[in-house]
């Protein structure tokens, strides 16, 4: 006996809303890390107190 019909009728459209927030969170984290790395070693605004 063979199966009639499609076993996986779950369209990708119904799965997309569950993945979009994950991609947004990952994109924000990558953006923050990228901007932080780009700034590099900025000198401090106030010079250290001298003797």
Protein backbone atom coordinates (compact mmCIF):
# COMPACT_ATOMS: atom_id res chain seq x y z
CA UNK A 1 0.00 0.00 0.00
CA UNK A 2 1.42 3.40 -0.99
CA UNK A 3 0.78 6.69 0.74
CA UNK A 4 -1.48 9.03 -1.15
CA UNK A 5 -0.81 12.75 -0.83
CA UNK A 6 1.95 14.87 0.51
CA UNK A 7 3.45 13.96 3.85
CA UNK A 8 4.89 17.39 4.58
CA UNK A 9 2.25 19.92 3.61
CA UNK A 10 3.66 22.56 5.95
CA UNK A 11 4.43 25.55 3.70
CA UNK A 12 7.50 27.66 4.33
CA UNK A 13 5.28 30.73 4.69
CA UNK A 14 3.99 29.50 8.04
CA UNK A 15 7.51 28.85 9.32
CA UNK A 16 8.98 32.26 8.36
CA UNK A 17 7.36 34.26 11.20
CA UNK A 18 9.13 32.04 13.73
CA UNK A 19 12.58 32.59 12.21
CA UNK A 20 12.40 36.33 11.50
CA UNK A 21 12.79 37.42 15.16
CA UNK A 22 15.82 35.15 15.50
CA UNK A 23 17.47 36.73 12.47
CA UNK A 24 16.69 40.22 13.78
CA UNK A 25 18.28 39.47 17.16
CA UNK A 26 21.36 37.96 15.52
CA UNK A 27 21.65 40.97 13.18
CA UNK A 28 21.51 43.42 16.10
CA UNK A 29 24.16 41.48 18.02
CA UNK A 30 26.43 41.35 14.95
CA UNK A 31 25.93 45.09 14.38
CA UNK A 32 26.82 45.96 17.98
CA UNK A 33 29.92 43.75 17.92
CA UNK A 34 30.99 45.12 14.53
CA UNK A 35 30.62 48.74 15.66
CA UNK A 36 32.48 48.02 18.89
CA UNK A 37 35.33 46.34 17.03
CA UNK A 38 35.48 49.21 14.55
CA UNK A 39 35.91 51.77 17.30
CA UNK A 40 39.01 49.95 18.42
CA UNK A 41 41.14 51.38 21.17
CA UNK A 42 39.90 54.94 21.41
CA UNK A 43 41.97 57.01 23.81
CA UNK A 44 40.10 57.95 26.99
CA UNK A 45 38.47 61.38 27.05
CA UNK A 46 40.14 62.42 30.32
CA UNK A 47 43.91 62.11 30.62
CA UNK A 48 45.08 60.13 33.64
CA UNK A 49 45.99 62.31 36.63
CA UNK A 50 49.70 63.00 36.79
CA UNK A 51 51.99 63.52 39.79
